[in-house]
Amino acid sequence: GHCNFPDYYKKNNKLGRWAKLQREQRRNNDPVLTEDRIRLLDDINFLWSYNYLEMKEKKWYEMYEKLVRYKEKHGDCMVPPVKKKEQG
């Protein structure tokens, strides 16, 4: 797992806003964000700055590595599409 989600996290908007607030509080040296809270967030590798383009770049390489492993296992890059559950 990781803690490098964007400020506006579509899957959980409240969590994204909360993360953005933590980043702003640290940047502004807000006393609400105590050293203990900073340490707790550091312990789970919370990302204190979020760069959208940097994260997109990182994700591209992660997916590339998955494709390399797929090819090593299957001998080709013919990854089947994800099947949606049948409705009904």
PDB file of N, CA and C in Angstrom:
ATOM      1  N   GLY A   1       0.805  -1.181   0.000  1.00  0.00           N
ATOM      2  CA  GLY A   1       0.000   0.000   0.000  1.00  0.00           C
ATOM      3  C   GLY A   1       0.859   1.261   0.000  1.00  0.00           C
ATOM      4  N   HIS A   2       0.225   2.350  -0.248  1.00  0.00           N
ATOM      5  CA  HIS A   2       0.921   3.630  -0.265  1.00  0.00           C
ATOM      6  C   HIS A   2       0.001   4.726   0.231  1.00  0.00           C
ATOM      7  N   CYS A   3       0.568   5.875   0.429  1.00  0.00           N
ATOM      8  CA  CYS A   3      -0.207   7.049   0.861  1.00  0.00           C
ATOM      9  C   CYS A   3       0.073   8.212  -0.066  1.00  0.00           C
ATOM     10  N   ASN A   4       0.105   7.948  -1.345  1.00  0.00           N
ATOM     11  CA  ASN A   4       0.406   9.010  -2.298  1.00  0.00           C
ATOM     12  C   ASN A   4      -0.804   9.319  -3.172  1.00  0.00           C
ATOM     13  N   PHE A   5      -1.961   9.506  -2.529  1.00  0.00           N
ATOM     14  CA  PHE A   5      -3.153   9.840  -3.282  1.00  0.00           C
ATOM     15  C   PHE A   5      -3.254  11.350  -3.447  1.00  0.00           C
ATOM     16  N   PRO A   6      -3.983  11.772  -4.472  1.00  0.00           N
ATOM     17  CA  PRO A   6      -4.090  13.209  -4.743  1.00  0.00           C
ATOM     18  C   PRO A   6      -4.971  13.932  -3.736  1.00  0.00           C
ATOM     19  N   ASP A   7      -4.889  15.248  -3.766  1.00  0.00           N
ATOM     20  CA  ASP A   7      -5.710  16.082  -2.884  1.00  0.00           C
ATOM     21  C   ASP A   7      -7.200  15.850  -3.139  1.00  0.00           C
ATOM     22  N   TYR A   8      -7.543  15.593  -4.371  1.00  0.00           N
ATOM     23  CA  TYR A   8      -8.938  15.343  -4.723  1.00  0.00           C
ATOM     24  C   TYR A   8      -9.051  13.889  -5.165  1.00  0.00           C
ATOM     25  N   TYR A   9      -9.294  13.031  -4.208  1.00  0.00           N
ATOM     26  CA  TYR A   9      -9.323  11.593  -4.411  1.00  0.00           C
ATOM     27  C   TYR A   9     -10.748  11.177  -4.730  1.00  0.00           C
ATOM     28  N   LYS A  10     -11.005  10.798  -5.972  1.00  0.00           N
ATOM     29  CA  LYS A  10     -12.364  10.521  -6.442  1.00  0.00           C
ATOM     30  C   LYS A  10     -13.044   9.407  -5.648  1.00  0.00           C
ATOM     31  N   LYS A  11     -12.299   8.389  -5.262  1.00  0.00           N
ATOM     32  CA  LYS A  11     -12.900   7.254  -4.567  1.00  0.00           C
ATOM     33  C   LYS A  11     -13.333   7.602  -3.148  1.00  0.00           C
ATOM     34  N   ASN A  12     -12.699   8.607  -2.562  1.00  0.00           N
ATOM     35  CA  ASN A  12     -13.050   9.005  -1.202  1.00  0.00           C
ATOM     36  C   ASN A  12     -12.726  10.483  -1.051  1.00  0.00           C
ATOM     37  N   ASN A  13     -13.669  11.321  -1.425  1.00  0.00           N
ATOM     38  CA  ASN A  13     -13.450  12.764  -1.458  1.00  0.00           C
ATOM     39  C   ASN A  13     -13.090  13.327  -0.085  1.00  0.00           C
ATOM     40  N   LYS A  14     -13.731  12.835   0.983  1.00  0.00           N
ATOM     41  CA  LYS A  14     -13.435  13.339   2.325  1.00  0.00           C
ATOM     42  C   LYS A  14     -11.995  13.045   2.705  1.00  0.00           C
ATOM     43  N   LEU A  15     -11.524  11.854   2.354  1.00  0.00           N
ATOM     44  CA  LEU A  15     -10.141  11.487   2.662  1.00  0.00           C
ATOM     45  C   LEU A  15      -9.166  12.369   1.882  1.00  0.00           C
ATOM     46  N   GLY A  16      -9.468  12.630   0.625  1.00  0.00           N
ATOM     47  CA  GLY A  16      -8.623  13.501  -0.185  1.00  0.00           C
ATOM     48  C   GLY A  16      -8.537  14.908   0.381  1.00  0.00           C
ATOM     49  N   ARG A  17      -9.682  15.440   0.795  1.00  0.00           N
ATOM     50  CA  ARG A  17      -9.691  16.790   1.393  1.00  0.00           C
ATOM     51  C   ARG A  17      -8.904  16.801   2.702  1.00  0.00           C
ATOM     52  N   TRP A  18      -9.056  15.730   3.492  1.00  0.00           N
ATOM     53  CA  TRP A  18      -8.324  15.639   4.755  1.00  0.00           C
ATOM     54  C   TRP A  18      -6.813  15.602   4.495  1.00  0.00           C
ATOM     55  N   ALA A  19      -6.391  14.824   3.499  1.00  0.00           N
ATOM     56  CA  ALA A  19      -4.966  14.749   3.157  1.00  0.00           C
ATOM     57  C   ALA A  19      -4.454  16.118   2.723  1.00  0.00           C
ATOM     58  N   LYS A  20      -5.256  16.808   1.917  1.00  0.00           N
ATOM     59  CA  LYS A  20      -4.859  18.152   1.471  1.00  0.00           C
ATOM     60  C   LYS A  20      -4.693  19.074   2.677  1.00  0.00           C
ATOM     61  N   LEU A  21      -5.605  18.970   3.640  1.00  0.00           N
ATOM     62  CA  LEU A  21      -5.522  19.797   4.841  1.00  0.00           C
ATOM     63  C   LEU A  21      -4.239  19.504   5.618  1.00  0.00           C
ATOM     64  N   GLN A  22      -3.871  18.233   5.729  1.00  0.00           N
ATOM     65  CA  GLN A  22      -2.641  17.888   6.452  1.00  0.00           C
ATOM     66  C   GLN A  22      -1.422  18.510   5.768  1.00  0.00           C
ATOM     67  N   ARG A  23      -1.418  18.438   4.446  1.00  0.00           N
ATOM     68  CA  ARG A  23      -0.305  19.029   3.678  1.00  0.00           C
ATOM     69  C   ARG A  23      -0.248  20.538   3.892  1.00  0.00           C
ATOM     70  N   GLU A  24      -1.403  21.192   3.868  1.00  0.00           N
ATOM     71  CA  GLU A  24      -1.447  22.645   4.066  1.00  0.00           C
ATOM     72  C   GLU A  24      -1.016  23.010   5.479  1.00  0.00           C
ATOM     73  N   GLN A  25      -1.478  22.248   6.466  1.00  0.00           N
ATOM     74  CA  GLN A  25      -1.103  22.529   7.852  1.00  0.00           C
ATOM     75  C   GLN A  25       0.406  22.398   8.044  1.00  0.00           C
ATOM     76  N   ARG A  26       0.998  21.408   7.439  1.00  0.00           N
ATOM     77  CA  ARG A  26       2.456  21.246   7.581  1.00  0.00           C
ATOM     78  C   ARG A  26       3.183  22.387   6.877  1.00  0.00           C
ATOM     79  N   ARG A  27       2.742  22.709   5.685  1.00  0.00           N
ATOM     80  CA  ARG A  27       3.379  23.787   4.916  1.00  0.00           C
ATOM     81  C   ARG A  27       3.299  25.113   5.664  1.00  0.00           C
ATOM     82  N   ASN A  28       2.190  25.334   6.391  1.00  0.00           N
ATOM     83  CA  ASN A  28       1.980  26.587   7.118  1.00  0.00           C
ATOM     84  C   ASN A  28       2.394  26.511   8.586  1.00  0.00           C
ATOM     85  N   ASN A  29       3.036  25.418   8.976  1.00  0.00           N
ATOM     86  CA  ASN A  29       3.442  25.219  10.371  1.00  0.00           C
ATOM     87  C   ASN A  29       2.281  25.412  11.341  1.00  0.00           C
ATOM     88  N   ASP A  30       1.123  24.917  10.981  1.00  0.00           N
ATOM     89  CA  ASP A  30      -0.075  25.021  11.813  1.00  0.00           C
ATOM     90  C   ASP A  30       0.108  24.172  13.074  1.00  0.00           C
ATOM     91  N   PRO A  31      -0.095  24.755  14.255  1.00  0.00           N
ATOM     92  CA  PRO A  31       0.104  24.005  15.502  1.00  0.00           C
ATOM     93  C   PRO A  31      -0.881  22.850  15.684  1.00  0.00           C
ATOM     94  N   VAL A  32      -1.962  22.818  14.925  1.00  0.00           N
ATOM     95  CA  VAL A  32      -2.912  21.700  14.997  1.00  0.00           C
ATOM     96  C   VAL A  32      -2.223  20.397  14.580  1.00  0.00           C
ATOM     97  N   LEU A  33      -1.311  20.500  13.624  1.00  0.00           N
ATOM     98  CA  LEU A  33      -0.576  19.328  13.166  1.00  0.00           C
ATOM     99  C   LEU A  33       0.666  19.185  14.049  1.00  0.00           C
ATOM    100  N   THR A  34       0.502  18.432  15.119  1.00  0.00           N
ATOM    101  CA  THR A  34       1.573  18.271  16.110  1.00  0.00           C
ATOM    102  C   THR A  34       2.674  17.356  15.585  1.00  0.00           C
ATOM    103  N   GLU A  35       3.801  17.368  16.286  1.00  0.00           N
ATOM    104  CA  GLU A  35       4.908  16.477  15.925  1.00  0.00           C
ATOM    105  C   GLU A  35       4.473  15.010  15.984  1.00  0.00           C
ATOM    106  N   ASP A  36       3.623  14.666  16.955  1.00  0.00           N
ATOM    107  CA  ASP A  36       3.127  13.290  17.047  1.00  0.00           C
ATOM    108  C   ASP A  36       2.314  12.917  15.810  1.00  0.00           C
ATOM    109  N   ARG A  37       1.477  13.838  15.345  1.00  0.00           N
ATOM    110  CA  ARG A  37       0.677  13.567  14.152  1.00  0.00           C
ATOM    111  C   ARG A  37       1.558  13.460  12.916  1.00  0.00           C
ATOM    112  N   ILE A  38       2.550  14.325  12.831  1.00  0.00           N
ATOM    113  CA  ILE A  38       3.496  14.261  11.705  1.00  0.00           C
ATOM    114  C   ILE A  38       4.209  12.919  11.717  1.00  0.00           C
ATOM    115  N   ARG A  39       4.644  12.483  12.893  1.00  0.00           N
ATOM    116  CA  ARG A  39       5.341  11.206  13.027  1.00  0.00           C
ATOM    117  C   ARG A  39       4.434  10.039  12.616  1.00  0.00           C
ATOM    118  N   LEU A  40       3.165  10.088  13.030  1.00  0.00           N
ATOM    119  CA  LEU A  40       2.229   9.035  12.639  1.00  0.00           C
ATOM    120  C   LEU A  40       2.077   8.963  11.119  1.00  0.00           C
ATOM    121  N   LEU A  41       1.943  10.124  10.489  1.00  0.00           N
ATOM    122  CA  LEU A  41       1.810  10.149   9.036  1.00  0.00           C
ATOM    123  C   LEU A  41       3.111   9.722   8.353  1.00  0.00           C
ATOM    124  N   ASP A  42       4.242  10.140   8.895  1.00  0.00           N
ATOM    125  CA  ASP A  42       5.528   9.702   8.350  1.00  0.00           C
ATOM    126  C   ASP A  42       5.672   8.180   8.441  1.00  0.00           C
ATOM    127  N   ASP A  43       5.184   7.603   9.541  1.00  0.00           N
ATOM    128  CA  ASP A  43       5.307   6.157   9.755  1.00  0.00           C
ATOM    129  C   ASP A  43       4.562   5.342   8.696  1.00  0.00           C
ATOM    130  N   ILE A  44       3.532   5.922   8.090  1.00  0.00           N
ATOM    131  CA  ILE A  44       2.816   5.206   7.031  1.00  0.00           C
ATOM    132  C   ILE A  44       3.201   5.733   5.646  1.00  0.00           C
ATOM    133  N   ASN A  45       4.315   6.458   5.591  1.00  0.00           N
ATOM    134  CA  ASN A  45       4.859   6.992   4.334  1.00  0.00           C
ATOM    135  C   ASN A  45       3.885   7.927   3.616  1.00  0.00           C
ATOM    136  N   PHE A  46       3.241   8.787   4.404  1.00  0.00           N
ATOM    137  CA  PHE A  46       2.355   9.794   3.837  1.00  0.00           C
ATOM    138  C   PHE A  46       3.173  10.720   2.950  1.00  0.00           C
ATOM    139  N   LEU A  47       2.663  11.002   1.770  1.00  0.00           N
ATOM    140  CA  LEU A  47       3.359  11.878   0.827  1.00  0.00           C
ATOM    141  C   LEU A  47       2.980  13.319   1.126  1.00  0.00           C
ATOM    142  N   TRP A  48       3.948  14.116   1.584  1.00  0.00           N
ATOM    143  CA  TRP A  48       3.666  15.485   2.029  1.00  0.00           C
ATOM    144  C   TRP A  48       3.456  16.456   0.881  1.00  0.00           C
ATOM    145  N   SER A  49       3.916  16.128  -0.289  1.00  0.00           N
ATOM    146  CA  SER A  49       3.621  16.957  -1.455  1.00  0.00           C
ATOM    147  C   SER A  49       3.128  16.021  -2.544  1.00  0.00           C
ATOM    148  N   TYR A  50       2.214  16.501  -3.324  1.00  0.00           N
ATOM    149  CA  TYR A  50       1.647  15.669  -4.370  1.00  0.00           C
ATOM    150  C   TYR A  50       1.812  16.371  -5.698  1.00  0.00           C
ATOM    151  N   ASN A  51       2.551  15.736  -6.578  1.00  0.00           N
ATOM    152  CA  ASN A  51       2.777  16.259  -7.910  1.00  0.00           C
ATOM    153  C   ASN A  51       2.069  15.330  -8.891  1.00  0.00           C
ATOM    154  N   TYR A  52       0.966  15.792  -9.454  1.00  0.00           N
ATOM    155  CA  TYR A  52       0.139  14.971 -10.332  1.00  0.00           C
ATOM    156  C   TYR A  52       0.944  14.378 -11.483  1.00  0.00           C
ATOM    157  N   LEU A  53       1.738  15.192 -12.155  1.00  0.00           N
ATOM    158  CA  LEU A  53       2.508  14.695 -13.300  1.00  0.00           C
ATOM    159  C   LEU A  53       3.546  13.666 -12.867  1.00  0.00           C
ATOM    160  N   GLU A  54       4.162  13.896 -11.737  1.00  0.00           N
ATOM    161  CA  GLU A  54       5.145  12.946 -11.218  1.00  0.00           C
ATOM    162  C   GLU A  54       4.480  11.601 -10.911  1.00  0.00           C
ATOM    163  N   MET A  55       3.292  11.643 -10.338  1.00  0.00           N
ATOM    164  CA  MET A  55       2.572  10.414 -10.020  1.00  0.00           C
ATOM    165  C   MET A  55       2.141   9.681 -11.286  1.00  0.00           C
ATOM    166  N   LYS A  56       1.725  10.420 -12.310  1.00  0.00           N
ATOM    167  CA  LYS A  56       1.358   9.800 -13.585  1.00  0.00           C
ATOM    168  C   LYS A  56       2.578   9.101 -14.199  1.00  0.00           C
ATOM    169  N   GLU A  57       3.725   9.735 -14.125  1.00  0.00           N
ATOM    170  CA  GLU A  57       4.961   9.162 -14.645  1.00  0.00           C
ATOM    171  C   GLU A  57       5.301   7.881 -13.893  1.00  0.00           C
ATOM    172  N   LYS A  58       5.203   7.921 -12.593  1.00  0.00           N
ATOM    173  CA  LYS A  58       5.496   6.748 -11.772  1.00  0.00           C
ATOM    174  C   LYS A  58       4.540   5.607 -12.111  1.00  0.00           C
ATOM    175  N   LYS A  59       3.257   5.930 -12.264  1.00  0.00           N
ATOM    176  CA  LYS A  59       2.257   4.913 -12.591  1.00  0.00           C
ATOM    177  C   LYS A  59       2.557   4.276 -13.941  1.00  0.00           C
ATOM    178  N   TRP A  60       3.019   5.057 -14.909  1.00  0.00           N
ATOM    179  CA  TRP A  60       3.343   4.520 -16.218  1.00  0.00           C
ATOM    180  C   TRP A  60       4.419   3.444 -16.089  1.00  0.00           C
ATOM    181  N   TYR A  61       5.465   3.723 -15.339  1.00  0.00           N
ATOM    182  CA  TYR A  61       6.548   2.757 -15.175  1.00  0.00           C
ATOM    183  C   TYR A  61       6.098   1.528 -14.385  1.00  0.00           C
ATOM    184  N   GLU A  62       5.199   1.717 -13.423  1.00  0.00           N
ATOM    185  CA  GLU A  62       4.661   0.566 -12.688  1.00  0.00           C
ATOM    186  C   GLU A  62       3.900  -0.352 -13.639  1.00  0.00           C
ATOM    187  N   MET A  63       3.091   0.232 -14.500  1.00  0.00           N
ATOM    188  CA  MET A  63       2.325  -0.571 -15.449  1.00  0.00           C
ATOM    189  C   MET A  63       3.253  -1.219 -16.478  1.00  0.00           C
ATOM    190  N   TYR A  64       4.277  -0.519 -16.889  1.00  0.00           N
ATOM    191  CA  TYR A  64       5.252  -1.099 -17.817  1.00  0.00           C
ATOM    192  C   TYR A  64       5.903  -2.334 -17.194  1.00  0.00           C
ATOM    193  N   GLU A  65       6.291  -2.232 -15.924  1.00  0.00           N
ATOM    194  CA  GLU A  65       6.900  -3.376 -15.243  1.00  0.00           C
ATOM    195  C   GLU A  65       5.927  -4.553 -15.157  1.00  0.00           C
ATOM    196  N   LYS A  66       4.660  -4.279 -14.946  1.00  0.00           N
ATOM    197  CA  LYS A  66       3.651  -5.342 -14.928  1.00  0.00           C
ATOM    198  C   LYS A  66       3.565  -6.013 -16.299  1.00  0.00           C
ATOM    199  N   LEU A  67       3.640  -5.209 -17.358  1.00  0.00           N
ATOM    200  CA  LEU A  67       3.597  -5.759 -18.703  1.00  0.00           C
ATOM    201  C   LEU A  67       4.819  -6.635 -18.970  1.00  0.00           C
ATOM    202  N   VAL A  68       5.976  -6.200 -18.519  1.00  0.00           N
ATOM    203  CA  VAL A  68       7.197  -7.001 -18.678  1.00  0.00           C
ATOM    204  C   VAL A  68       7.026  -8.351 -17.981  1.00  0.00           C
ATOM    205  N   ARG A  69       6.496  -8.334 -16.746  1.00  0.00           N
ATOM    206  CA  ARG A  69       6.279  -9.598 -16.017  1.00  0.00           C
ATOM    207  C   ARG A  69       5.250 -10.473 -16.725  1.00  0.00           C
ATOM    208  N   TYR A  70       4.213  -9.854 -17.279  1.00  0.00           N
ATOM    209  CA  TYR A  70       3.204 -10.601 -18.021  1.00  0.00           C
ATOM    210  C   TYR A  70       3.853 -11.303 -19.218  1.00  0.00           C
ATOM    211  N   LYS A  71       4.675 -10.558 -19.933  1.00  0.00           N
ATOM    212  CA  LYS A  71       5.334 -11.139 -21.115  1.00  0.00           C
ATOM    213  C   LYS A  71       6.266 -12.274 -20.716  1.00  0.00           C
ATOM    214  N   GLU A  72       6.996 -12.113 -19.618  1.00  0.00           N
ATOM    215  CA  GLU A  72       7.874 -13.180 -19.147  1.00  0.00           C
ATOM    216  C   GLU A  72       7.076 -14.445 -18.827  1.00  0.00           C
ATOM    217  N   LYS A  73       5.896 -14.266 -18.269  1.00  0.00           N
ATOM    218  CA  LYS A  73       5.067 -15.403 -17.872  1.00  0.00           C
ATOM    219  C   LYS A  73       4.345 -16.048 -19.064  1.00  0.00           C
ATOM    220  N   HIS A  74       3.815 -15.206 -19.986  1.00  0.00           N
ATOM    221  CA  HIS A  74       2.958 -15.707 -21.065  1.00  0.00           C
ATOM    222  C   HIS A  74       3.631 -15.724 -22.435  1.00  0.00           C
ATOM    223  N   GLY A  75       4.790 -15.086 -22.565  1.00  0.00           N
ATOM    224  CA  GLY A  75       5.508 -15.102 -23.842  1.00  0.00           C
ATOM    225  C   GLY A  75       5.029 -14.071 -24.847  1.00  0.00           C
ATOM    226  N   ASP A  76       4.055 -13.266 -24.489  1.00  0.00           N
ATOM    227  CA  ASP A  76       3.562 -12.220 -25.392  1.00  0.00           C
ATOM    228  C   ASP A  76       2.989 -11.064 -24.570  1.00  0.00           C
ATOM    229  N   CYS A  77       2.533 -10.047 -25.284  1.00  0.00           N
ATOM    230  CA  CYS A  77       1.922  -8.884 -24.622  1.00  0.00           C
ATOM    231  C   CYS A  77       0.436  -8.793 -24.950  1.00  0.00           C
ATOM    232  N   MET A  78      -0.176  -9.916 -25.221  1.00  0.00           N
ATOM    233  CA  MET A  78      -1.599  -9.960 -25.579  1.00  0.00           C
ATOM    234  C   MET A  78      -2.445 -10.036 -24.307  1.00  0.00           C
ATOM    235  N   VAL A  79      -2.423  -8.969 -23.539  1.00  0.00           N
ATOM    236  CA  VAL A  79      -3.144  -8.917 -22.274  1.00  0.00           C
ATOM    237  C   VAL A  79      -4.640  -8.844 -22.576  1.00  0.00           C
ATOM    238  N   PRO A  80      -5.407  -9.792 -22.035  1.00  0.00           N
ATOM    239  CA  PRO A  80      -6.842  -9.746 -22.318  1.00  0.00           C
ATOM    240  C   PRO A  80      -7.508  -8.572 -21.607  1.00  0.00           C
ATOM    241  N   PRO A  81      -8.580  -8.049 -22.208  1.00  0.00           N
ATOM    242  CA  PRO A  81      -9.281  -6.945 -21.555  1.00  0.00           C
ATOM    243  C   PRO A  81      -9.970  -7.425 -20.284  1.00  0.00           C
ATOM    244  N   VAL A  82     -10.196  -6.500 -19.382  1.00  0.00           N
ATOM    245  CA  VAL A  82     -10.892  -6.819 -18.144  1.00  0.00           C
ATOM    246  C   VAL A  82     -12.352  -7.096 -18.496  1.00  0.00           C
ATOM    247  N   LYS A  83     -12.850  -8.211 -17.991  1.00  0.00           N
ATOM    248  CA  LYS A  83     -14.243  -8.554 -18.257  1.00  0.00           C
ATOM    249  C   LYS A  83     -15.126  -7.958 -17.181  1.00  0.00           C
ATOM    250  N   LYS A  84     -16.176  -7.288 -17.610  1.00  0.00           N
ATOM    251  CA  LYS A  84     -17.148  -6.739 -16.658  1.00  0.00           C
ATOM    252  C   LYS A  84     -18.088  -7.865 -16.257  1.00  0.00           C
ATOM    253  N   LYS A  85     -18.554  -7.806 -15.020  1.00  0.00           N
ATOM    254  CA  LYS A  85     -19.508  -8.795 -14.549  1.00  0.00           C
ATOM    255  C   LYS A  85     -20.786  -8.679 -15.388  1.00  0.00           C
ATOM    256  N   GLU A  86     -21.338  -9.818 -15.694  1.00  0.00           N
ATOM    257  CA  GLU A  86     -22.572  -9.810 -16.464  1.00  0.00           C
ATOM    258  C   GLU A  86     -23.698  -9.214 -15.624  1.00  0.00           C
ATOM    259  N   GLN A  87     -24.447  -8.336 -16.262  1.00  0.00           N
ATOM    260  CA  GLN A  87     -25.579  -7.729 -15.559  1.00  0.00           C
ATOM    261  C   GLN A  87     -26.794  -8.605 -15.760  1.00  0.00           C
ATOM    262  N   GLY A  88     -27.619  -8.694 -14.736  1.00  0.00           N
ATOM    263  CA  GLY A  88     -28.813  -9.451 -14.950  1.00  0.00           C
ATOM    264  C   GLY A  88     -29.273 -10.079 -13.722  1.00  0.00           C
TER     265      GLY A  88
END
